């Protein structure tokens, strides 16, 4: 059975999240205007895997990660519209 789960995403440049295998990222949004969360559709009984994510502020350089590409997920506006952060998943090339 599939369910939708929320995962807190640190605003660090690069971070990892333990998620069920095959989790389908639906969106990235903020709750409370500060923290970024990812919502994903997951299989309830799936094993877990580590997924990597990158958060880049508008005007900042987008990092180049050896052996990987960046898959855009969403743009999140935080701090009352003062900061736009762009969320990418780091995917093996």
C-alpha atoms as a PDB file:
ATOM      1  CA  UNK A   1       0.000   0.000   0.000  1.00  0.00           C
ATOM      2  CA  UNK A   2       1.329   3.433  -0.913  1.00  0.00           C
ATOM      3  CA  UNK A   3       1.176   6.348   1.494  1.00  0.00           C
ATOM      4  CA  UNK A   4       2.474   9.912   1.442  1.00  0.00           C
ATOM      5  CA  UNK A   5       5.168  10.806   3.961  1.00  0.00           C
ATOM      6  CA  UNK A   6       6.903  14.060   4.871  1.00  0.00           C
ATOM      7  CA  UNK A   7      10.696  14.304   5.230  1.00  0.00           C
ATOM      8  CA  UNK A   8      12.491  17.298   6.758  1.00  0.00           C
ATOM      9  CA  UNK A   9      15.233  18.620   4.453  1.00  0.00           C
ATOM     10  CA  UNK A  10      18.118  20.523   6.041  1.00  0.00           C
ATOM     11  CA  UNK A  11      18.919  23.806   4.276  1.00  0.00           C
ATOM     12  CA  UNK A  12      22.539  22.674   3.948  1.00  0.00           C
ATOM     13  CA  UNK A  13      24.110  22.782   0.506  1.00  0.00           C
ATOM     14  CA  UNK A  14      24.263  18.952   0.399  1.00  0.00           C
ATOM     15  CA  UNK A  15      22.331  16.588   2.657  1.00  0.00           C
ATOM     16  CA  UNK A  16      21.113  13.008   2.866  1.00  0.00           C
ATOM     17  CA  UNK A  17      17.733  11.593   3.848  1.00  0.00           C
ATOM     18  CA  UNK A  18      16.861   7.986   4.666  1.00  0.00           C
ATOM     19  CA  UNK A  19      13.736   7.151   2.631  1.00  0.00           C
ATOM     20  CA  UNK A  20      11.885   3.994   1.600  1.00  0.00           C
ATOM     21  CA  UNK A  21      13.278   2.463  -1.613  1.00  0.00           C
ATOM     22  CA  UNK A  22      11.602   3.876  -4.695  1.00  0.00           C
ATOM     23  CA  UNK A  23      10.053   6.851  -2.898  1.00  0.00           C
ATOM     24  CA  UNK A  24       8.528   9.201  -5.487  1.00  0.00           C
ATOM     25  CA  UNK A  25       9.266  12.814  -4.567  1.00  0.00           C
ATOM     26  CA  UNK A  26       6.087  14.852  -5.053  1.00  0.00           C
ATOM     27  CA  UNK A  27       7.173  18.337  -3.978  1.00  0.00           C
ATOM     28  CA  UNK A  28       9.254  20.481  -1.653  1.00  0.00           C
ATOM     29  CA  UNK A  29       7.484  23.138   0.411  1.00  0.00           C
ATOM     30  CA  UNK A  30       7.853  25.061   3.635  1.00  0.00           C
ATOM     31  CA  UNK A  31       5.732  24.831   6.749  1.00  0.00           C
ATOM     32  CA  UNK A  32       5.955  27.794   9.055  1.00  0.00           C
ATOM     33  CA  UNK A  33       8.043  29.733   6.556  1.00  0.00           C
ATOM     34  CA  UNK A  34      11.422  28.382   7.672  1.00  0.00           C
ATOM     35  CA  UNK A  35      11.940  24.612   7.417  1.00  0.00           C
ATOM     36  CA  UNK A  36      11.874  22.809   4.067  1.00  0.00           C
ATOM     37  CA  UNK A  37      10.015  19.510   3.817  1.00  0.00           C
ATOM     38  CA  UNK A  38       9.802  16.976   1.017  1.00  0.00           C
ATOM     39  CA  UNK A  39       6.616  15.007   0.446  1.00  0.00           C
ATOM     40  CA  UNK A  40       6.984  11.620  -1.193  1.00  0.00           C
ATOM     41  CA  UNK A  41       4.723   8.726  -2.111  1.00  0.00           C
ATOM     42  CA  UNK A  42       6.218   5.589  -0.573  1.00  0.00           C
ATOM     43  CA  UNK A  43       5.489   1.892  -0.425  1.00  0.00           C
ATOM     44  CA  UNK A  44       4.564   1.119   3.186  1.00  0.00           C
ATOM     45  CA  UNK A  45       6.733  -1.998   3.588  1.00  0.00           C
ATOM     46  CA  UNK A  46       9.749  -0.980   1.485  1.00  0.00           C
ATOM     47  CA  UNK A  47      13.326  -1.249   2.698  1.00  0.00           C
ATOM     48  CA  UNK A  48      15.229   2.009   3.136  1.00  0.00           C
ATOM     49  CA  UNK A  49      17.852   3.763   1.053  1.00  0.00           C
ATOM     50  CA  UNK A  50      19.884   6.936   1.449  1.00  0.00           C
ATOM     51  CA  UNK A  51      19.004   9.721  -1.007  1.00  0.00           C
ATOM     52  CA  UNK A  52      21.070  12.874  -1.545  1.00  0.00           C
ATOM     53  CA  UNK A  53      19.720  16.382  -2.033  1.00  0.00           C
ATOM     54  CA  UNK A  54      21.171  19.795  -2.815  1.00  0.00           C
ATOM     55  CA  UNK A  55      19.656  23.159  -1.864  1.00  0.00           C
ATOM     56  CA  UNK A  56      20.858  26.227  -3.779  1.00  0.00           C
ATOM     57  CA  UNK A  57      19.887  29.823  -3.103  1.00  0.00           C
ATOM     58  CA  UNK A  58      19.051  32.166  -5.976  1.00  0.00           C
ATOM     59  CA  UNK A  59      22.248  33.795  -7.256  1.00  0.00           C
ATOM     60  CA  UNK A  60      24.513  31.163  -5.701  1.00  0.00           C
ATOM     61  CA  UNK A  61      26.615  28.778  -7.797  1.00  0.00           C
ATOM     62  CA  UNK A  62      25.054  25.403  -8.560  1.00  0.00           C
ATOM     63  CA  UNK A  63      27.608  22.793  -7.471  1.00  0.00           C
ATOM     64  CA  UNK A  64      29.091  20.263  -9.851  1.00  0.00           C
ATOM     65  CA  UNK A  65      29.132  16.815  -8.247  1.00  0.00           C
ATOM     66  CA  UNK A  66      31.409  14.177  -9.780  1.00  0.00           C
ATOM     67  CA  UNK A  67      29.534  11.174 -11.139  1.00  0.00           C
ATOM     68  CA  UNK A  68      26.119  12.731 -10.531  1.00  0.00           C
ATOM     69  CA  UNK A  69      23.509  14.989 -12.066  1.00  0.00           C
ATOM     70  CA  UNK A  70      21.058  17.290 -10.329  1.00  0.00           C
ATOM     71  CA  UNK A  71      17.344  16.617 -10.854  1.00  0.00           C
ATOM     72  CA  UNK A  72      15.224  19.694 -10.090  1.00  0.00           C
ATOM     73  CA  UNK A  73      12.409  19.088  -7.582  1.00  0.00           C
ATOM     74  CA  UNK A  74      10.939  22.453  -6.596  1.00  0.00           C
ATOM     75  CA  UNK A  75      11.592  26.062  -5.567  1.00  0.00           C
ATOM     76  CA  UNK A  76      10.765  27.001  -1.984  1.00  0.00           C
ATOM     77  CA  UNK A  77      10.243  30.563  -0.722  1.00  0.00           C
ATOM     78  CA  UNK A  78      11.149  31.076   2.944  1.00  0.00           C
ATOM     79  CA  UNK A  79      11.514  33.880   5.490  1.00  0.00           C
ATOM     80  CA  UNK A  80       8.386  35.679   4.311  1.00  0.00           C
ATOM     81  CA  UNK A  81       9.500  35.805   0.689  1.00  0.00           C
ATOM     82  CA  UNK A  82      13.016  37.072   1.400  1.00  0.00           C
ATOM     83  CA  UNK A  83      14.818  33.922   0.231  1.00  0.00           C
ATOM     84  CA  UNK A  84      14.195  31.514  -2.647  1.00  0.00           C
ATOM     85  CA  UNK A  85      15.840  28.093  -2.403  1.00  0.00           C
ATOM     86  CA  UNK A  86      15.954  25.619  -5.265  1.00  0.00           C
ATOM     87  CA  UNK A  87      15.843  21.927  -4.314  1.00  0.00           C
ATOM     88  CA  UNK A  88      17.547  19.243  -6.400  1.00  0.00           C
ATOM     89  CA  UNK A  89      18.047  15.519  -5.943  1.00  0.00           C
ATOM     90  CA  UNK A  90      21.607  14.316  -6.540  1.00  0.00           C
ATOM     91  CA  UNK A  91      21.249  11.349  -8.913  1.00  0.00           C
ATOM     92  CA  UNK A  92      24.029   9.010 -10.045  1.00  0.00           C
ATOM     93  CA  UNK A  93      24.914   9.695 -13.681  1.00  0.00           C
END
